[in-house]
Amino acid sequence: MKTLITIPAMLLALFTNAQELNTIETDTAVMQRRNIIKTNLTAYAFKNINVTYERSINRWFSVSAGYSVMPDGKIPFIKSFTDADDELRDVKAGSTHFTIETRFYLGKGYGKGFYAAPYYRNSTFKASNFTYYQEYEDGGGNTTEIPLNISGKATGNSVGLLLGVQFFLNKKGSFVLDWWIVGAHYGKGKGDFTGKSSQTLTPDQQSQLKAELEDLGIPLVEYSVQTNTNGAAIKLDGPWAGLRSGLSLGYRF
């Protein structure tokens, strides 16, 4: 009787041990391909060239670094939301983003499943060829329109949280699809913009220009204005916020 009880127990122990070894071997095989290189496909619609590298540290945790650049040029789709004579149609803009991200996978792990990803982002934004028209009124009731060409650069540092899910597209998991469901970040930014006038400004014109620019009421932006005979200097110093969403295709190796 004792022998009959011992044999099934031994078989059960061997089966359990074999399963554990199989799991270890599977995990080891997965960990041998813990790198993913990918690019956000949806960003290319906005002329944004980008690449991200992700490295799995263990089943539940990974780190990644991403870089994206939008070369200087006209703002994509600007014609869809401006009038034919809107001065924004000729604006040229460019940007770069460097992002460091940590991911905590809530599903199967090793780069697969739902995740929560705290991240840090450094951003740079440049703009040029924006024309602001100042309407100057002299004491005699006459109005003169003075064009001001504005250009400059702003940088921001922010932290945020991204929620998403990553899929393996084949059995070997060589190809992945990363869906950034929603992400948001907040921080602080600074910038310097210069407005150059096509003519020399009188003290009265400078005073009116300063009042006009300070009264623009741009939301979520803090700025100061100084004027001179050549135009205006605008300094930004305040909140910096943004959203993230997209669909990335990658290769795992």
Protein backbone atom coordinates (compact mmCIF):
# COMPACT_ATOMS: atom_id res chain seq x y z
CA MET A 1 0.00 0.00 0.00
CA LYS A 2 2.82 2.35 0.92
CA THR A 3 4.42 1.70 -2.49
CA LEU A 4 1.15 2.44 -4.31
CA ILE A 5 0.90 5.83 -2.54
CA THR A 6 4.57 6.71 -3.10
CA ILE A 7 4.61 6.10 -6.88
CA PRO A 8 1.81 8.61 -7.74
CA ALA A 9 3.41 11.13 -5.38
CA MET A 10 6.75 10.77 -7.17
CA LEU A 11 5.07 11.10 -10.58
CA LEU A 12 3.25 14.25 -9.41
CA ALA A 13 6.51 15.73 -8.13
CA LEU A 14 8.28 14.98 -11.41
CA PHE A 15 5.42 16.51 -13.44
CA THR A 16 5.41 19.65 -11.29
CA ASN A 17 9.17 19.98 -11.57
CA ALA A 18 8.99 19.52 -15.34
CA GLN A 19 6.38 22.27 -15.57
CA GLU A 20 8.56 24.61 -13.53
CA LEU A 21 11.57 23.82 -15.73
CA ASN A 22 9.46 24.44 -18.83
CA THR A 23 8.35 27.82 -17.43
CA ILE A 24 11.93 28.75 -16.61
CA GLU A 25 13.07 27.70 -20.07
CA THR A 26 10.25 29.69 -21.66
CA ASP A 27 11.02 32.77 -19.59
CA THR A 28 14.71 32.40 -20.38
CA ALA A 29 13.97 32.19 -24.08
CA VAL A 30 11.82 35.29 -23.84
CA MET A 31 14.47 37.18 -21.88
CA GLN A 32 17.03 36.39 -24.56
CA ARG A 33 15.01 38.76 -26.76
CA ARG A 34 14.37 41.58 -24.35
CA ASN A 35 14.96 44.50 -26.77
CA ILE A 36 12.34 46.28 -28.87
CA ILE A 37 12.94 48.98 -31.47
CA LYS A 38 9.81 50.75 -32.71
CA THR A 39 8.37 53.83 -34.35
CA ASN A 40 5.08 55.69 -33.89
CA LEU A 41 3.27 55.33 -37.23
CA THR A 42 0.56 57.90 -36.55
CA ALA A 43 3.16 60.63 -35.93
CA TYR A 44 4.31 60.55 -39.56
CA ALA A 45 1.05 62.20 -40.57
CA PHE A 46 2.41 65.28 -38.76
CA LYS A 47 5.88 64.97 -40.38
CA ASN A 48 7.22 63.64 -37.07
CA ILE A 49 10.17 61.26 -37.52
CA ASN A 50 10.68 59.14 -34.42
CA VAL A 51 12.29 56.05 -32.89
CA THR A 52 12.00 54.35 -29.47
CA TYR A 53 14.14 51.67 -27.86
CA GLU A 54 12.67 49.54 -25.05
CA ARG A 55 14.59 47.12 -22.82
CA SER A 56 12.91 44.57 -20.53
CA ILE A 57 14.60 44.34 -17.13
CA ASN A 58 12.36 41.59 -15.80
CA ARG A 59 8.84 40.24 -16.39
CA TRP A 60 7.04 43.32 -15.08
CA PHE A 61 9.45 46.20 -15.63
CA SER A 62 11.12 47.83 -18.64
CA VAL A 63 12.83 51.11 -19.51
CA SER A 64 12.80 52.97 -22.81
CA ALA A 65 14.18 56.05 -24.50
CA GLY A 66 12.62 57.81 -27.46
CA TYR A 67 13.54 60.66 -29.77
CA SER A 68 11.36 62.45 -32.30
CA VAL A 69 11.86 65.42 -34.59
CA MET A 70 9.55 67.47 -36.77
CA PRO A 71 11.75 69.35 -39.28
CA ASP A 72 11.11 73.07 -39.74
CA GLY A 73 8.31 73.66 -42.20
CA LYS A 74 4.69 74.63 -42.54
CA ILE A 75 2.36 73.30 -39.87
CA PRO A 76 0.64 70.10 -41.09
CA PHE A 77 -3.08 70.44 -41.91
CA ILE A 78 -2.94 74.21 -41.25
CA LYS A 79 -5.18 74.85 -44.27
CA SER A 80 -7.95 72.77 -42.69
CA PHE A 81 -8.54 75.17 -39.80
CA THR A 82 -7.50 78.61 -41.07
CA ASP A 83 -9.02 81.10 -43.48
CA ALA A 84 -7.43 81.74 -46.87
CA ASP A 85 -5.89 85.02 -45.68
CA ASP A 86 -5.02 83.86 -42.16
CA GLU A 87 -1.46 84.79 -41.20
CA LEU A 88 -1.00 81.34 -39.63
CA ARG A 89 -0.91 79.74 -43.09
CA ASP A 90 2.67 80.94 -43.63
CA VAL A 91 4.01 80.03 -40.19
CA LYS A 92 6.94 77.61 -40.13
CA ALA A 93 7.41 75.39 -37.08
CA GLY A 94 9.62 72.57 -35.88
CA SER A 95 10.03 70.53 -32.72
CA THR A 96 12.08 67.84 -30.98
CA HIS A 97 11.19 65.56 -28.08
CA PHE A 98 13.41 63.33 -25.95
CA THR A 99 11.52 60.95 -23.66
CA ILE A 100 12.71 58.59 -20.91
CA GLU A 101 10.04 56.13 -19.83
CA THR A 102 9.63 53.35 -17.28
CA ARG A 103 6.93 50.73 -17.82
CA PHE A 104 5.13 48.50 -15.34
CA TYR A 105 3.33 45.69 -17.16
CA LEU A 106 0.08 44.49 -15.61
CA GLY A 107 -0.54 41.50 -17.90
CA LYS A 108 1.72 38.70 -19.12
CA GLY A 109 4.78 40.91 -18.98
CA TYR A 110 8.09 40.73 -20.81
CA GLY A 111 6.89 43.58 -23.01
CA LYS A 112 3.37 42.22 -23.52
CA GLY A 113 0.02 43.38 -22.17
CA PHE A 114 -1.37 46.45 -20.44
CA TYR A 115 1.06 48.87 -18.82
CA ALA A 116 1.34 52.09 -16.83
CA ALA A 117 4.35 54.19 -17.80
CA PRO A 118 5.62 57.20 -15.82
CA TYR A 119 7.89 59.32 -18.02
CA TYR A 120 10.04 62.44 -18.31
CA ARG A 121 10.09 64.54 -21.49
CA ASN A 122 12.32 67.33 -22.75
CA SER A 123 10.81 69.31 -25.62
CA THR A 124 11.94 72.10 -27.92
CA PHE A 125 9.62 74.12 -30.15
CA LYS A 126 10.65 76.62 -32.82
CA ALA A 127 8.46 78.94 -34.86
CA SER A 128 9.14 81.58 -37.51
CA ASN A 129 7.46 83.64 -40.21
CA PHE A 130 4.44 84.49 -38.06
CA THR A 131 3.15 87.96 -38.93
CA TYR A 132 1.33 89.97 -36.30
CA TYR A 133 -0.38 93.15 -37.50
CA GLN A 134 -0.40 96.05 -35.07
CA GLU A 135 -3.09 98.65 -35.64
CA TYR A 136 -1.59 101.95 -34.55
CA GLU A 137 -3.93 104.88 -33.95
CA ASP A 138 -2.42 108.36 -33.95
CA GLY A 139 -3.93 111.38 -32.23
CA GLY A 140 -5.66 112.54 -35.40
CA GLY A 141 -7.91 109.50 -35.71
CA ASN A 142 -5.82 107.83 -38.40
CA THR A 143 -5.07 104.09 -38.20
CA THR A 144 -1.88 102.53 -39.54
CA GLU A 145 -1.26 98.78 -39.81
CA ILE A 146 2.30 97.83 -38.90
CA PRO A 147 3.41 94.21 -39.59
CA LEU A 148 5.57 92.47 -37.01
CA ASN A 149 7.43 89.28 -38.01
CA ILE A 150 7.72 86.98 -34.98
CA SER A 151 10.13 84.06 -34.52
CA GLY A 152 11.80 82.25 -31.63
CA LYS A 153 12.25 79.09 -29.61
CA ALA A 154 10.83 77.56 -26.42
CA THR A 155 11.95 74.59 -24.34
CA GLY A 156 10.07 72.62 -21.70
CA ASN A 157 10.67 69.88 -19.16
CA SER A 158 7.73 67.83 -17.93
CA VAL A 159 6.72 64.57 -16.27
CA GLY A 160 3.65 62.49 -16.99
CA LEU A 161 1.91 59.14 -17.13
CA LEU A 162 1.06 57.01 -20.18
CA LEU A 163 -1.45 54.15 -20.21
CA GLY A 164 -1.32 51.64 -23.04
CA VAL A 165 -1.16 48.06 -24.22
CA GLN A 166 1.46 46.21 -26.28
CA PHE A 167 0.68 43.16 -28.44
CA PHE A 168 2.87 40.48 -30.00
CA LEU A 169 1.80 40.14 -33.64
CA ASN A 170 3.12 36.60 -34.24
CA LYS A 171 3.78 33.46 -32.19
CA LYS A 172 7.48 34.16 -31.83
CA GLY A 173 6.78 37.70 -30.68
CA SER A 174 9.19 39.16 -33.21
CA PHE A 175 6.83 41.96 -34.18
CA VAL A 176 4.93 44.12 -31.72
CA LEU A 177 2.16 46.68 -31.84
CA ASP A 178 2.25 49.33 -29.11
CA TRP A 179 -0.96 51.31 -28.56
CA TRP A 180 -0.51 54.49 -26.54
CA ILE A 181 -4.09 54.79 -25.33
CA VAL A 182 -3.68 58.09 -23.50
CA GLY A 183 -0.88 60.00 -21.83
CA ALA A 184 -0.50 63.46 -20.32
CA HIS A 185 2.42 65.46 -18.97
CA TYR A 186 2.90 68.73 -17.12
CA GLY A 187 5.93 70.83 -16.24
CA LYS A 188 7.65 74.14 -16.82
CA GLY A 189 8.84 75.90 -19.95
CA LYS A 190 10.84 78.93 -21.06
CA GLY A 191 11.16 80.70 -24.36
CA ASP A 192 12.37 83.77 -26.21
CA PHE A 193 10.56 85.22 -29.22
CA THR A 194 11.43 88.32 -31.19
CA GLY A 195 9.07 90.47 -33.20
CA LYS A 196 10.77 92.57 -35.89
CA SER A 197 8.98 95.58 -37.30
CA SER A 198 9.22 96.63 -40.92
CA GLN A 199 9.69 100.23 -39.78
CA THR A 200 11.22 102.14 -36.87
CA LEU A 201 8.70 102.43 -34.05
CA THR A 202 8.07 105.69 -32.23
CA PRO A 203 7.72 105.69 -28.41
CA ASP A 204 3.93 105.96 -28.78
CA GLN A 205 3.82 103.02 -31.22
CA GLN A 206 5.98 100.98 -28.84
CA SER A 207 3.61 101.71 -25.98
CA GLN A 208 0.56 100.63 -27.97
CA LEU A 209 2.32 97.48 -29.21
CA LYS A 210 3.29 96.48 -25.67
CA ALA A 211 -0.29 96.92 -24.47
CA GLU A 212 -1.68 94.89 -27.38
CA LEU A 213 0.71 91.96 -26.92
CA GLU A 214 0.19 91.85 -23.15
CA ASP A 215 -3.58 91.78 -23.70
CA LEU A 216 -3.61 88.74 -26.03
CA GLY A 217 -4.78 86.46 -23.19
CA ILE A 218 -3.04 83.27 -24.40
CA PRO A 219 -4.32 80.40 -22.15
CA LEU A 220 -1.85 78.47 -19.93
CA VAL A 221 1.04 80.73 -20.98
CA GLU A 222 2.82 83.27 -18.81
CA TYR A 223 4.92 85.84 -20.65
CA SER A 224 6.42 89.33 -20.47
CA VAL A 225 6.84 91.89 -23.26
CA GLN A 226 9.49 94.54 -23.87
CA THR A 227 9.36 96.85 -26.89
CA ASN A 228 12.00 98.90 -28.69
CA THR A 229 12.45 100.83 -31.92
CA ASN A 230 12.86 97.58 -33.88
CA GLY A 231 9.84 95.70 -32.47
CA ALA A 232 9.31 93.53 -29.40
CA ALA A 233 11.00 90.89 -27.25
CA ILE A 234 8.69 88.28 -25.71
CA LYS A 235 9.85 86.01 -22.88
CA LEU A 236 7.87 82.91 -21.88
CA ASP A 237 8.17 81.46 -18.38
CA GLY A 238 5.37 79.27 -17.13
CA PRO A 239 3.47 75.98 -17.36
CA TRP A 240 4.22 73.40 -20.04
CA ALA A 241 1.69 70.67 -20.78
CA GLY A 242 0.88 68.14 -23.47
CA LEU A 243 -0.86 64.90 -24.45
CA ARG A 244 0.41 61.62 -25.94
CA SER A 245 -1.39 59.07 -28.07
CA GLY A 246 -0.44 56.88 -30.99
CA LEU A 247 0.18 53.50 -32.53
CA SER A 248 3.72 52.12 -32.83
CA LEU A 249 5.06 49.17 -34.81
CA GLY A 250 8.22 47.47 -33.56
CA TYR A 251 10.66 44.59 -33.87
CA ARG A 252 11.71 42.50 -30.87
CA PHE A 253 15.15 40.92 -30.70
